Each structure stands twice: as C-alpha cells, then as structure tokens.
Amino acid sequence: MPAEIAGGWSGYGVRAMYSEEEVYEVLRECYDPEMPVNIVDLGLVYHVGIQGGVITVEMTLTAPGCSMGAMIASEIQDKLLGIPGCEEANIEMVWDPPWTPHMMSLAARKALGLDDD
C-alpha cells in the first residue's frame, strides 16, 4: 500500500518534515538560465519523490543536448538541501516523454510571449 506523501508521510512510513508542495515551491525558485521562467512552470519537473530525508526529482531539459543541465541540476540540489530535514537530494534526468513547449504552464507561455494556438 503506497504511503501518503501529501499528508507528510514518506515511502518508509516515517513522517516527513516537508510536503511535496513545499518541495515544488523550492523548485519554483530554480530557473533555466536561458529562459526567464522557473523549471516547474516550464514543465521540466515530471515527478517529486520523498522518502524520509531523501528527495528525488525526476526532470528533463528542453533538449537532450542542453549544455546547462549540470548547472541546473546542481542549483536544484543546493536548494533542496537547504530544506530543513533534507539529508540527500537526487536529480534524475529523464528523456521520456520528451519535453515540448505544450508542457509549459499558461503563465510560462504568456511570460515568453507564446500564443496558445
């Protein structure tokens, strides 16, 4: 039976000191250096997992060859480790499904001046 994350329970049945939503709020402070939009609104974050003091983020980049990937992952890891109770932060790059501009939030599209056609 899966453990409840939203209520603050980790996958190991240990009460987490932070919620998934709090992790997403921290991730909203991380930006792709090539765009003035945070990685959550860009649609780059696919999944957040919390197990005790370990946070795992599955994410992608706008393109597999993006040279900023290591820098973005390092920034995310630093910010997550700043959350009280986070002992380890793992950033996993995934390429499936591939990112498309349709994954961006409406706010991101507006910030970048993209039409919603």
PDB file of N, CA and C in Angstrom:
ATOM      1  N   MET A   1       0.848  -1.177   0.000  1.00  0.00           N
ATOM      2  CA  MET A   1       0.000   0.000   0.000  1.00  0.00           C
ATOM      3  C   MET A   1       0.897   1.244   0.000  1.00  0.00           C
ATOM      4  N   PRO A   2       0.689   2.156  -0.972  1.00  0.00           N
ATOM      5  CA  PRO A   2       1.546   3.343  -1.043  1.00  0.00           C
ATOM      6  C   PRO A   2       1.388   4.234   0.188  1.00  0.00           C
ATOM      7  N   ALA A   3       2.483   4.828   0.578  1.00  0.00           N
ATOM      8  CA  ALA A   3       2.448   5.745   1.718  1.00  0.00           C
ATOM      9  C   ALA A   3       1.909   7.088   1.254  1.00  0.00           C
ATOM     10  N   GLU A   4       1.301   7.798   2.141  1.00  0.00           N
ATOM     11  CA  GLU A   4       0.721   9.098   1.815  1.00  0.00           C
ATOM     12  C   GLU A   4       1.808  10.161   1.852  1.00  0.00           C
ATOM     13  N   ILE A   5       2.025  10.821   0.721  1.00  0.00           N
ATOM     14  CA  ILE A   5       3.032  11.878   0.647  1.00  0.00           C
ATOM     15  C   ILE A   5       2.403  13.219   1.003  1.00  0.00           C
ATOM     16  N   ALA A   6       1.241  13.505   0.439  1.00  0.00           N
ATOM     17  CA  ALA A   6       0.625  14.816   0.645  1.00  0.00           C
ATOM     18  C   ALA A   6       0.387  15.096   2.126  1.00  0.00           C
ATOM     19  N   GLY A   7       0.104  14.061   2.878  1.00  0.00           N
ATOM     20  CA  GLY A   7      -0.131  14.247   4.300  1.00  0.00           C
ATOM     21  C   GLY A   7       1.140  14.279   5.111  1.00  0.00           C
ATOM     22  N   GLY A   8       2.282  14.181   4.440  1.00  0.00           N
ATOM     23  CA  GLY A   8       3.543  14.287   5.144  1.00  0.00           C
ATOM     24  C   GLY A   8       4.190  12.954   5.483  1.00  0.00           C
ATOM     25  N   TRP A   9       3.656  11.838   4.964  1.00  0.00           N
ATOM     26  CA  TRP A   9       4.250  10.536   5.251  1.00  0.00           C
ATOM     27  C   TRP A   9       5.154  10.127   4.111  1.00  0.00           C
ATOM     28  N   SER A  10       6.330   9.665   4.422  1.00  0.00           N
ATOM     29  CA  SER A  10       7.270   9.254   3.386  1.00  0.00           C
ATOM     30  C   SER A  10       6.976   7.826   2.962  1.00  0.00           C
ATOM     31  N   GLY A  11       7.695   7.358   1.954  1.00  0.00           N
ATOM     32  CA  GLY A  11       7.534   5.994   1.459  1.00  0.00           C
ATOM     33  C   GLY A  11       7.923   4.940   2.473  1.00  0.00           C
ATOM     34  N   TYR A  12       8.634   5.298   3.511  1.00  0.00           N
ATOM     35  CA  TYR A  12       9.049   4.342   4.526  1.00  0.00           C
ATOM     36  C   TYR A  12       8.178   4.392   5.765  1.00  0.00           C
ATOM     37  N   GLY A  13       7.072   5.126   5.711  1.00  0.00           N
ATOM     38  CA  GLY A  13       6.189   5.218   6.859  1.00  0.00           C
ATOM     39  C   GLY A  13       6.707   6.152   7.943  1.00  0.00           C
ATOM     40  N   VAL A  14       7.727   6.945   7.622  1.00  0.00           N
ATOM     41  CA  VAL A  14       8.287   7.913   8.565  1.00  0.00           C
ATOM     42  C   VAL A  14       7.719   9.278   8.212  1.00  0.00           C
ATOM     43  N   ARG A  15       7.301  10.018   9.196  1.00  0.00           N
ATOM     44  CA  ARG A  15       6.715  11.328   8.930  1.00  0.00           C
ATOM     45  C   ARG A  15       7.783  12.265   8.362  1.00  0.00           C
ATOM     46  N   ALA A  16       7.522  12.780   7.159  1.00  0.00           N
ATOM     47  CA  ALA A  16       8.449  13.724   6.527  1.00  0.00           C
ATOM     48  C   ALA A  16       8.259  15.104   7.149  1.00  0.00           C
ATOM     49  N   MET A  17       9.333  15.899   7.136  1.00  0.00           N
ATOM     50  CA  MET A  17       9.267  17.237   7.718  1.00  0.00           C
ATOM     51  C   MET A  17       8.825  18.275   6.697  1.00  0.00           C
ATOM     52  N   TYR A  18       8.550  17.852   5.478  1.00  0.00           N
ATOM     53  CA  TYR A  18       8.151  18.760   4.418  1.00  0.00           C
ATOM     54  C   TYR A  18       7.226  17.987   3.483  1.00  0.00           C
ATOM     55  N   SER A  19       6.395  18.745   2.781  1.00  0.00           N
ATOM     56  CA  SER A  19       5.438  18.120   1.874  1.00  0.00           C
ATOM     57  C   SER A  19       5.928  18.232   0.427  1.00  0.00           C
ATOM     58  N   GLU A  20       5.276  17.506  -0.439  1.00  0.00           N
ATOM     59  CA  GLU A  20       5.590  17.567  -1.861  1.00  0.00           C
ATOM     60  C   GLU A  20       5.373  18.988  -2.387  1.00  0.00           C
ATOM     61  N   GLU A  21       4.306  19.635  -1.943  1.00  0.00           N
ATOM     62  CA  GLU A  21       4.033  21.007  -2.377  1.00  0.00           C
ATOM     63  C   GLU A  21       5.147  21.959  -1.935  1.00  0.00           C
ATOM     64  N   GLU A  22       5.687  21.767  -0.732  1.00  0.00           N
ATOM     65  CA  GLU A  22       6.800  22.605  -0.275  1.00  0.00           C
ATOM     66  C   GLU A  22       8.029  22.393  -1.152  1.00  0.00           C
ATOM     67  N   VAL A  23       8.251  21.162  -1.587  1.00  0.00           N
ATOM     68  CA  VAL A  23       9.374  20.883  -2.483  1.00  0.00           C
ATOM     69  C   VAL A  23       9.154  21.593  -3.819  1.00  0.00           C
ATOM     70  N   TYR A  24       7.924  21.531  -4.338  1.00  0.00           N
ATOM     71  CA  TYR A  24       7.628  22.232  -5.595  1.00  0.00           C
ATOM     72  C   TYR A  24       7.831  23.738  -5.453  1.00  0.00           C
ATOM     73  N   GLU A  25       7.510  24.302  -4.296  1.00  0.00           N
ATOM     74  CA  GLU A  25       7.728  25.736  -4.081  1.00  0.00           C
ATOM     75  C   GLU A  25       9.214  26.071  -4.170  1.00  0.00           C
ATOM     76  N   VAL A  26      10.066  25.213  -3.615  1.00  0.00           N
ATOM     77  CA  VAL A  26      11.515  25.425  -3.711  1.00  0.00           C
ATOM     78  C   VAL A  26      11.958  25.288  -5.169  1.00  0.00           C
ATOM     79  N   LEU A  27      11.403  24.307  -5.878  1.00  0.00           N
ATOM     80  CA  LEU A  27      11.769  24.117  -7.287  1.00  0.00           C
ATOM     81  C   LEU A  27      11.353  25.312  -8.144  1.00  0.00           C
ATOM     82  N   ARG A  28      10.319  26.013  -7.734  1.00  0.00           N
ATOM     83  CA  ARG A  28       9.889  27.208  -8.471  1.00  0.00           C
ATOM     84  C   ARG A  28      10.898  28.354  -8.348  1.00  0.00           C
ATOM     85  N   GLU A  29      11.881  28.207  -7.468  1.00  0.00           N
ATOM     86  CA  GLU A  29      12.948  29.207  -7.329  1.00  0.00           C
ATOM     87  C   GLU A  29      14.113  28.920  -8.280  1.00  0.00           C
ATOM     88  N   CYS A  30      14.043  27.812  -9.010  1.00  0.00           N
ATOM     89  CA  CYS A  30      15.114  27.407  -9.927  1.00  0.00           C
ATOM     90  C   CYS A  30      14.703  27.737 -11.359  1.00  0.00           C
ATOM     91  N   TYR A  31      15.613  28.355 -12.088  1.00  0.00           N
ATOM     92  CA  TYR A  31      15.321  28.817 -13.438  1.00  0.00           C
ATOM     93  C   TYR A  31      16.262  28.202 -14.452  1.00  0.00           C
ATOM     94  N   ASP A  32      15.753  27.988 -15.649  1.00  0.00           N
ATOM     95  CA  ASP A  32      16.595  27.662 -16.786  1.00  0.00           C
ATOM     96  C   ASP A  32      17.301  28.970 -17.127  1.00  0.00           C
ATOM     97  N   PRO A  33      18.626  29.010 -17.126  1.00  0.00           N
ATOM     98  CA  PRO A  33      19.332  30.273 -17.354  1.00  0.00           C
ATOM     99  C   PRO A  33      19.054  30.902 -18.721  1.00  0.00           C
ATOM    100  N   GLU A  34      18.527  30.107 -19.647  1.00  0.00           N
ATOM    101  CA  GLU A  34      18.266  30.632 -20.979  1.00  0.00           C
ATOM    102  C   GLU A  34      16.848  31.183 -21.124  1.00  0.00           C
ATOM    103  N   MET A  35      16.007  30.997 -20.079  1.00  0.00           N
ATOM    104  CA  MET A  35      14.621  31.472 -20.143  1.00  0.00           C
ATOM    105  C   MET A  35      14.232  32.083 -18.803  1.00  0.00           C
ATOM    106  N   PRO A  36      13.435  33.145 -18.828  1.00  0.00           N
ATOM    107  CA  PRO A  36      13.048  33.803 -17.572  1.00  0.00           C
ATOM    108  C   PRO A  36      11.843  33.137 -16.895  1.00  0.00           C
ATOM    109  N   VAL A  37      11.807  31.800 -16.901  1.00  0.00           N
ATOM    110  CA  VAL A  37      10.689  31.048 -16.344  1.00  0.00           C
ATOM    111  C   VAL A  37      11.259  29.923 -15.487  1.00  0.00           C
ATOM    112  N   ASN A  38      10.619  29.661 -14.339  1.00  0.00           N
ATOM    113  CA  ASN A  38      11.123  28.608 -13.458  1.00  0.00           C
ATOM    114  C   ASN A  38      10.885  27.225 -14.064  1.00  0.00           C
ATOM    115  N   ILE A  39      11.638  26.234 -13.570  1.00  0.00           N
ATOM    116  CA  ILE A  39      11.613  24.894 -14.154  1.00  0.00           C
ATOM    117  C   ILE A  39      10.273  24.181 -13.976  1.00  0.00           C
ATOM    118  N   VAL A  40       9.516  24.529 -12.933  1.00  0.00           N
ATOM    119  CA  VAL A  40       8.201  23.909 -12.739  1.00  0.00           C
ATOM    120  C   VAL A  40       7.243  24.417 -13.810  1.00  0.00           C
ATOM    121  N   ASP A  41       7.167  25.736 -13.997  1.00  0.00           N
ATOM    122  CA  ASP A  41       6.267  26.297 -14.998  1.00  0.00           C
ATOM    123  C   ASP A  41       6.700  25.969 -16.424  1.00  0.00           C
ATOM    124  N   LEU A  42       7.995  25.722 -16.620  1.00  0.00           N
ATOM    125  CA  LEU A  42       8.459  25.285 -17.941  1.00  0.00           C
ATOM    126  C   LEU A  42       8.001  23.854 -18.242  1.00  0.00           C
ATOM    127  N   GLY A  43       7.582  23.129 -17.215  1.00  0.00           N
ATOM    128  CA  GLY A  43       7.151  21.745 -17.412  1.00  0.00           C
ATOM    129  C   GLY A  43       8.299  20.761 -17.408  1.00  0.00           C
ATOM    130  N   LEU A  44       9.431  21.163 -16.832  1.00  0.00           N
ATOM    131  CA  LEU A  44      10.611  20.293 -16.815  1.00  0.00           C
ATOM    132  C   LEU A  44      10.587  19.267 -15.687  1.00  0.00           C
ATOM    133  N   VAL A  45       9.802  19.501 -14.637  1.00  0.00           N
ATOM    134  CA  VAL A  45       9.755  18.584 -13.492  1.00  0.00           C
ATOM    135  C   VAL A  45       8.622  17.590 -13.717  1.00  0.00           C
ATOM    136  N   TYR A  46       8.977  16.312 -13.800  1.00  0.00           N
ATOM    137  CA  TYR A  46       7.990  15.262 -14.048  1.00  0.00           C
ATOM    138  C   TYR A  46       7.486  14.607 -12.765  1.00  0.00           C
ATOM    139  N   HIS A  47       8.349  14.504 -11.752  1.00  0.00           N
ATOM    140  CA  HIS A  47       7.948  13.800 -10.530  1.00  0.00           C
ATOM    141  C   HIS A  47       8.837  14.216  -9.364  1.00  0.00           C
ATOM    142  N   VAL A  48       8.238  14.303  -8.186  1.00  0.00           N
ATOM    143  CA  VAL A  48       8.978  14.533  -6.946  1.00  0.00           C
ATOM    144  C   VAL A  48       8.659  13.373  -6.007  1.00  0.00           C
ATOM    145  N   GLY A  49       9.693  12.743  -5.491  1.00  0.00           N
ATOM    146  CA  GLY A  49       9.515  11.663  -4.530  1.00  0.00           C
ATOM    147  C   GLY A  49      10.182  12.023  -3.218  1.00  0.00           C
ATOM    148  N   ILE A  50       9.512  11.691  -2.120  1.00  0.00           N
ATOM    149  CA  ILE A  50      10.056  11.958  -0.790  1.00  0.00           C
ATOM    150  C   ILE A  50      10.081  10.641  -0.026  1.00  0.00           C
ATOM    151  N   GLN A  51      11.254  10.264   0.451  1.00  0.00           N
ATOM    152  CA  GLN A  51      11.399   9.066   1.277  1.00  0.00           C
ATOM    153  C   GLN A  51      12.291   9.433   2.457  1.00  0.00           C
ATOM    154  N   GLY A  52      11.660   9.672   3.600  1.00  0.00           N
ATOM    155  CA  GLY A  52      12.416  10.102   4.772  1.00  0.00           C
ATOM    156  C   GLY A  52      13.102  11.422   4.484  1.00  0.00           C
ATOM    157  N   GLY A  53      14.410  11.476   4.660  1.00  0.00           N
ATOM    158  CA  GLY A  53      15.170  12.700   4.421  1.00  0.00           C
ATOM    159  C   GLY A  53      15.713  12.808   3.012  1.00  0.00           C
ATOM    160  N   VAL A  54      15.205  11.962   2.102  1.00  0.00           N
ATOM    161  CA  VAL A  54      15.707  11.943   0.730  1.00  0.00           C
ATOM    162  C   VAL A  54      14.629  12.464  -0.223  1.00  0.00           C
ATOM    163  N   ILE A  55      15.015  13.442  -1.031  1.00  0.00           N
ATOM    164  CA  ILE A  55      14.126  13.973  -2.062  1.00  0.00           C
ATOM    165  C   ILE A  55      14.717  13.579  -3.413  1.00  0.00           C
ATOM    166  N   THR A  56      13.870  13.012  -4.265  1.00  0.00           N
ATOM    167  CA  THR A  56      14.279  12.670  -5.623  1.00  0.00           C
ATOM    168  C   THR A  56      13.402  13.441  -6.594  1.00  0.00           C
ATOM    169  N   VAL A  57      14.043  14.098  -7.545  1.00  0.00           N
ATOM    170  CA  VAL A  57      13.330  14.856  -8.574  1.00  0.00           C
ATOM    171  C   VAL A  57      13.644  14.217  -9.915  1.00  0.00           C
ATOM    172  N   GLU A  58      12.587  13.812 -10.619  1.00  0.00           N
ATOM    173  CA  GLU A  58      12.735  13.348 -11.997  1.00  0.00           C
ATOM    174  C   GLU A  58      12.362  14.516 -12.880  1.00  0.00           C
ATOM    175  N   MET A  59      13.271  14.873 -13.763  1.00  0.00           N
ATOM    176  CA  MET A  59      13.046  16.036 -14.614  1.00  0.00           C
ATOM    177  C   MET A  59      13.700  15.835 -15.959  1.00  0.00           C
ATOM    178  N   THR A  60      13.422  16.747 -16.850  1.00  0.00           N
ATOM    179  CA  THR A  60      14.034  16.730 -18.167  1.00  0.00           C
ATOM    180  C   THR A  60      14.576  18.113 -18.469  1.00  0.00           C
ATOM    181  N   LEU A  61      15.106  18.269 -19.642  1.00  0.00           N
ATOM    182  CA  LEU A  61      15.573  19.565 -20.120  1.00  0.00           C
ATOM    183  C   LEU A  61      14.847  19.872 -21.418  1.00  0.00           C
ATOM    184  N   THR A  62      14.940  21.100 -21.874  1.00  0.00           N
ATOM    185  CA  THR A  62      14.240  21.472 -23.100  1.00  0.00           C
ATOM    186  C   THR A  62      14.799  20.730 -24.314  1.00  0.00           C
ATOM    187  N   ALA A  63      16.051  20.261 -24.214  1.00  0.00           N
ATOM    188  CA  ALA A  63      16.669  19.474 -25.287  1.00  0.00           C
ATOM    189  C   ALA A  63      17.727  18.565 -24.669  1.00  0.00           C
ATOM    190  N   PRO A  64      17.853  17.321 -25.162  1.00  0.00           N
ATOM    191  CA  PRO A  64      18.848  16.398 -24.588  1.00  0.00           C
ATOM    192  C   PRO A  64      20.271  16.941 -24.601  1.00  0.00           C
ATOM    193  N   GLY A  65      20.607  17.767 -25.565  1.00  0.00           N
ATOM    194  CA  GLY A  65      21.962  18.308 -25.652  1.00  0.00           C
ATOM    195  C   GLY A  65      22.168  19.602 -24.898  1.00  0.00           C
ATOM    196  N   CYS A  66      21.211  19.997 -24.068  1.00  0.00           N
ATOM    197  CA  CYS A  66      21.296  21.263 -23.342  1.00  0.00           C
ATOM    198  C   CYS A  66      22.559  21.302 -22.480  1.00  0.00           C
ATOM    199  N   SER A  67      23.391  22.283 -22.726  1.00  0.00           N
ATOM    200  CA  SER A  67      24.662  22.377 -22.006  1.00  0.00           C
ATOM    201  C   SER A  67      24.498  22.880 -20.574  1.00  0.00           C
ATOM    202  N   MET A  68      23.308  23.343 -20.216  1.00  0.00           N
ATOM    203  CA  MET A  68      23.080  23.898 -18.885  1.00  0.00           C
ATOM    204  C   MET A  68      22.573  22.847 -17.891  1.00  0.00           C
ATOM    205  N   GLY A  69      22.400  21.613 -18.331  1.00  0.00           N
ATOM    206  CA  GLY A  69      21.821  20.570 -17.487  1.00  0.00           C
ATOM    207  C   GLY A  69      22.526  20.365 -16.159  1.00  0.00           C
ATOM    208  N   ALA A  70      23.841  20.271 -16.176  1.00  0.00           N
ATOM    209  CA  ALA A  70      24.593  20.049 -14.937  1.00  0.00           C
ATOM    210  C   ALA A  70      24.460  21.239 -13.995  1.00  0.00           C
ATOM    211  N   MET A  71      24.463  22.444 -14.548  1.00  0.00           N
ATOM    212  CA  MET A  71      24.331  23.640 -13.716  1.00  0.00           C
ATOM    213  C   MET A  71      22.935  23.714 -13.086  1.00  0.00           C
ATOM    214  N   ILE A  72      21.903  23.412 -13.868  1.00  0.00           N
ATOM    215  CA  ILE A  72      20.534  23.424 -13.350  1.00  0.00           C
ATOM    216  C   ILE A  72      20.385  22.374 -12.254  1.00  0.00           C
ATOM    217  N   ALA A  73      20.887  21.161 -12.493  1.00  0.00           N
ATOM    218  CA  ALA A  73      20.787  20.084 -11.506  1.00  0.00           C
ATOM    219  C   ALA A  73      21.517  20.449 -10.216  1.00  0.00           C
ATOM    220  N   SER A  74      22.672  21.078 -10.330  1.00  0.00           N
ATOM    221  CA  SER A  74      23.432  21.491  -9.152  1.00  0.00           C
ATOM    222  C   SER A  74      22.674  22.538  -8.347  1.00  0.00           C
ATOM    223  N   GLU A  75      22.059  23.506  -9.040  1.00  0.00           N
ATOM    224  CA  GLU A  75      21.280  24.542  -8.350  1.00  0.00           C
ATOM    225  C   GLU A  75      20.094  23.916  -7.615  1.00  0.00           C
ATOM    226  N   ILE A  76      19.415  22.986  -8.284  1.00  0.00           N
ATOM    227  CA  ILE A  76      18.266  22.312  -7.665  1.00  0.00           C
ATOM    228  C   ILE A  76      18.718  21.569  -6.417  1.00  0.00           C
ATOM    229  N   GLN A  77      19.794  20.818  -6.538  1.00  0.00           N
ATOM    230  CA  GLN A  77      20.303  20.046  -5.403  1.00  0.00           C
ATOM    231  C   GLN A  77      20.661  20.959  -4.232  1.00  0.00           C
ATOM    232  N   ASP A  78      21.328  22.059  -4.496  1.00  0.00           N
ATOM    233  CA  ASP A  78      21.692  23.008  -3.441  1.00  0.00           C
ATOM    234  C   ASP A  78      20.454  23.565  -2.739  1.00  0.00           C
ATOM    235  N   LYS A  79      19.443  23.929  -3.518  1.00  0.00           N
ATOM    236  CA  LYS A  79      18.223  24.487  -2.923  1.00  0.00           C
ATOM    237  C   LYS A  79      17.469  23.438  -2.107  1.00  0.00           C
ATOM    238  N   LEU A  80      17.384  22.217  -2.612  1.00  0.00           N
ATOM    239  CA  LEU A  80      16.688  21.158  -1.875  1.00  0.00           C
ATOM    240  C   LEU A  80      17.401  20.820  -0.577  1.00  0.00           C
ATOM    241  N   LEU A  81      18.721  20.803  -0.600  1.00  0.00           N
ATOM    242  CA  LEU A  81      19.478  20.509   0.617  1.00  0.00           C
ATOM    243  C   LEU A  81      19.327  21.607   1.665  1.00  0.00           C
ATOM    244  N   GLY A  82      18.818  22.768   1.254  1.00  0.00           N
ATOM    245  CA  GLY A  82      18.543  23.853   2.185  1.00  0.00           C
ATOM    246  C   GLY A  82      17.222  23.685   2.928  1.00  0.00           C
ATOM    247  N   ILE A  83      16.421  22.706   2.534  1.00  0.00           N
ATOM    248  CA  ILE A  83      15.154  22.442   3.221  1.00  0.00           C
ATOM    249  C   ILE A  83      15.468  21.720   4.528  1.00  0.00           C
ATOM    250  N   PRO A  84      15.005  22.222   5.659  1.00  0.00           N
ATOM    251  CA  PRO A  84      15.264  21.533   6.927  1.00  0.00           C
ATOM    252  C   PRO A  84      14.764  20.093   6.881  1.00  0.00           C
ATOM    253  N   GLY A  85      15.647  19.171   7.214  1.00  0.00           N
ATOM    254  CA  GLY A  85      15.298  17.753   7.226  1.00  0.00           C
ATOM    255  C   GLY A  85      15.705  17.013   5.969  1.00  0.00           C
ATOM    256  N   CYS A  86      16.047  17.739   4.892  1.00  0.00           N
ATOM    257  CA  CYS A  86      16.501  17.076   3.670  1.00  0.00           C
ATOM    258  C   CYS A  86      17.968  16.703   3.841  1.00  0.00           C
ATOM    259  N   GLU A  87      18.240  15.403   3.826  1.00  0.00           N
ATOM    260  CA  GLU A  87      19.602  14.903   4.005  1.00  0.00           C
ATOM    261  C   GLU A  87      20.281  14.571   2.678  1.00  0.00           C
ATOM    262  N   GLU A  88      19.463  14.304   1.665  1.00  0.00           N
ATOM    263  CA  GLU A  88      20.002  13.921   0.361  1.00  0.00           C
ATOM    264  C   GLU A  88      19.031  14.392  -0.717  1.00  0.00           C
ATOM    265  N   ALA A  89      19.570  14.913  -1.812  1.00  0.00           N
ATOM    266  CA  ALA A  89      18.747  15.363  -2.927  1.00  0.00           C
ATOM    267  C   ALA A  89      19.282  14.744  -4.209  1.00  0.00           C
ATOM    268  N   ASN A  90      18.447  13.953  -4.864  1.00  0.00           N
ATOM    269  CA  ASN A  90      18.843  13.274  -6.098  1.00  0.00           C
ATOM    270  C   ASN A  90      18.081  13.870  -7.275  1.00  0.00           C
ATOM    271  N   ILE A  91      18.816  14.255  -8.300  1.00  0.00           N
ATOM    272  CA  ILE A  91      18.209  14.798  -9.503  1.00  0.00           C
ATOM    273  C   ILE A  91      18.436  13.780 -10.602  1.00  0.00           C
ATOM    274  N   GLU A  92      17.342  13.249 -11.154  1.00  0.00           N
ATOM    275  CA  GLU A  92      17.429  12.249 -12.214  1.00  0.00           C
ATOM    276  C   GLU A  92      16.907  12.848 -13.505  1.00  0.00           C
ATOM    277  N   MET A  93      17.770  12.910 -14.522  1.00  0.00           N
ATOM    278  CA  MET A  93      17.362  13.410 -15.833  1.00  0.00           C
ATOM    279  C   MET A  93      16.722  12.268 -16.610  1.00  0.00           C
ATOM    280  N   VAL A  94      15.547  12.528 -17.137  1.00  0.00           N
ATOM    281  CA  VAL A  94      14.834  11.548 -17.951  1.00  0.00           C
ATOM    282  C   VAL A  94      14.482  12.201 -19.284  1.00  0.00           C
ATOM    283  N   TRP A  95      14.352  11.405 -20.298  1.00  0.00           N
ATOM    284  CA  TRP A  95      14.095  11.946 -21.636  1.00  0.00           C
ATOM    285  C   TRP A  95      12.784  11.435 -22.220  1.00  0.00           C
ATOM    286  N   ASP A  96      12.043  10.682 -21.438  1.00  0.00           N
ATOM    287  CA  ASP A  96      10.768  10.155 -21.896  1.00  0.00           C
ATOM    288  C   ASP A  96       9.699  10.478 -20.876  1.00  0.00           C
ATOM    289  N   PRO A  97       8.693  11.234 -21.213  1.00  0.00           N
ATOM    290  CA  PRO A  97       8.446  11.770 -22.552  1.00  0.00           C
ATOM    291  C   PRO A  97       9.352  12.959 -22.846  1.00  0.00           C
ATOM    292  N   PRO A  98       9.654  13.165 -24.117  1.00  0.00           N
ATOM    293  CA  PRO A  98      10.461  14.331 -24.467  1.00  0.00           C
ATOM    294  C   PRO A  98       9.690  15.615 -24.182  1.00  0.00           C
ATOM    295  N   TRP A  99      10.421  16.640 -23.764  1.00  0.00           N
ATOM    296  CA  TRP A  99       9.798  17.923 -23.452  1.00  0.00           C
ATOM    297  C   TRP A  99       9.315  18.590 -24.735  1.00  0.00           C
ATOM    298  N   THR A 100       8.153  19.227 -24.643  1.00  0.00           N
ATOM    299  CA  THR A 100       7.646  20.068 -25.726  1.00  0.00           C
ATOM    300  C   THR A 100       7.124  21.357 -25.099  1.00  0.00           C
ATOM    301  N   PRO A 101       7.023  22.425 -25.870  1.00  0.00           N
ATOM    302  CA  PRO A 101       6.503  23.682 -25.318  1.00  0.00           C
ATOM    303  C   PRO A 101       5.087  23.556 -24.757  1.00  0.00           C
ATOM    304  N   HIS A 102       4.338  22.555 -25.179  1.00  0.00           N
ATOM    305  CA  HIS A 102       2.977  22.361 -24.668  1.00  0.00           C
ATOM    306  C   HIS A 102       2.960  21.938 -23.199  1.00  0.00           C
ATOM    307  N   MET A 103       4.114  21.567 -22.655  1.00  0.00           N
ATOM    308  CA  MET A 103       4.210  21.176 -21.248  1.00  0.00           C
ATOM    309  C   MET A 103       4.303  22.387 -20.320  1.00  0.00           C
ATOM    310  N   MET A 104       4.504  23.567 -20.896  1.00  0.00           N
ATOM    311  CA  MET A 104       4.616  24.779 -20.088  1.00  0.00           C
ATOM    312  C   MET A 104       3.246  25.186 -19.553  1.00  0.00           C
ATOM    313  N   SER A 105       3.263  25.823 -18.399  1.00  0.00           N
ATOM    314  CA  SER A 105       2.029  26.367 -17.843  1.00  0.00           C
ATOM    315  C   SER A 105       1.594  27.561 -18.687  1.00  0.00           C
ATOM    316  N   LEU A 106       0.350  27.943 -18.532  1.00  0.00           N
ATOM    317  CA  LEU A 106      -0.176  29.117 -19.242  1.00  0.00           C
ATOM    318  C   LEU A 106       0.632  30.363 -18.867  1.00  0.00           C
ATOM    319  N   ALA A 107       0.982  30.485 -17.582  1.00  0.00           N
ATOM    320  CA  ALA A 107       1.778  31.631 -17.124  1.00  0.00           C
ATOM    321  C   ALA A 107       3.138  31.666 -17.823  1.00  0.00           C
ATOM    322  N   ALA A 108       3.753  30.506 -18.014  1.00  0.00           N
ATOM    323  CA  ALA A 108       5.056  30.441 -18.686  1.00  0.00           C
ATOM    324  C   ALA A 108       4.920  30.854 -20.144  1.00  0.00           C
ATOM    325  N   ARG A 109       3.876  30.355 -20.796  1.00  0.00           N
ATOM    326  CA  ARG A 109       3.665  30.715 -22.197  1.00  0.00           C
ATOM    327  C   ARG A 109       3.461  32.217 -22.359  1.00  0.00           C
ATOM    328  N   LYS A 110       2.699  32.788 -21.446  1.00  0.00           N
ATOM    329  CA  LYS A 110       2.471  34.237 -21.506  1.00  0.00           C
ATOM    330  C   LYS A 110       3.763  35.003 -21.254  1.00  0.00           C
ATOM    331  N   ALA A 111       4.549  34.551 -20.270  1.00  0.00           N
ATOM    332  CA  ALA A 111       5.821  35.225 -19.960  1.00  0.00           C
ATOM    333  C   ALA A 111       6.777  35.204 -21.144  1.00  0.00           C
ATOM    334  N   LEU A 112       6.695  34.142 -21.942  1.00  0.00           N
ATOM    335  CA  LEU A 112       7.581  34.008 -23.091  1.00  0.00           C
ATOM    336  C   LEU A 112       6.955  34.552 -24.379  1.00  0.00           C
ATOM    337  N   GLY A 113       5.733  35.077 -24.255  1.00  0.00           N
ATOM    338  CA  GLY A 113       5.066  35.662 -25.405  1.00  0.00           C
ATOM    339  C   GLY A 113       4.615  34.653 -26.437  1.00  0.00           C
ATOM    340  N   LEU A 114       4.316  33.441 -26.013  1.00  0.00           N
ATOM    341  CA  LEU A 114       3.875  32.397 -26.946  1.00  0.00           C
ATOM    342  C   LEU A 114       2.358  32.374 -27.020  1.00  0.00           C
ATOM    343  N   ASP A 115       1.838  32.196 -28.209  1.00  0.00           N
ATOM    344  CA  ASP A 115       0.393  32.088 -28.398  1.00  0.00           C
ATOM    345  C   ASP A 115      -0.066  30.719 -27.942  1.00  0.00           C
ATOM    346  N   ASP A 116      -1.325  30.613 -27.599  1.00  0.00           N
ATOM    347  CA  ASP A 116      -1.883  29.361 -27.103  1.00  0.00           C
ATOM    348  C   ASP A 116      -2.617  28.593 -28.196  1.00  0.00           C
ATOM    349  N   ASP A 117      -2.194  28.759 -29.432  1.00  0.00           N
ATOM    350  CA  ASP A 117      -2.881  28.099 -30.556  1.00  0.00           C
ATOM    351  C   ASP A 117      -2.712  26.623 -30.522  1.00  0.00           C
TER     352      ASP A 117
END
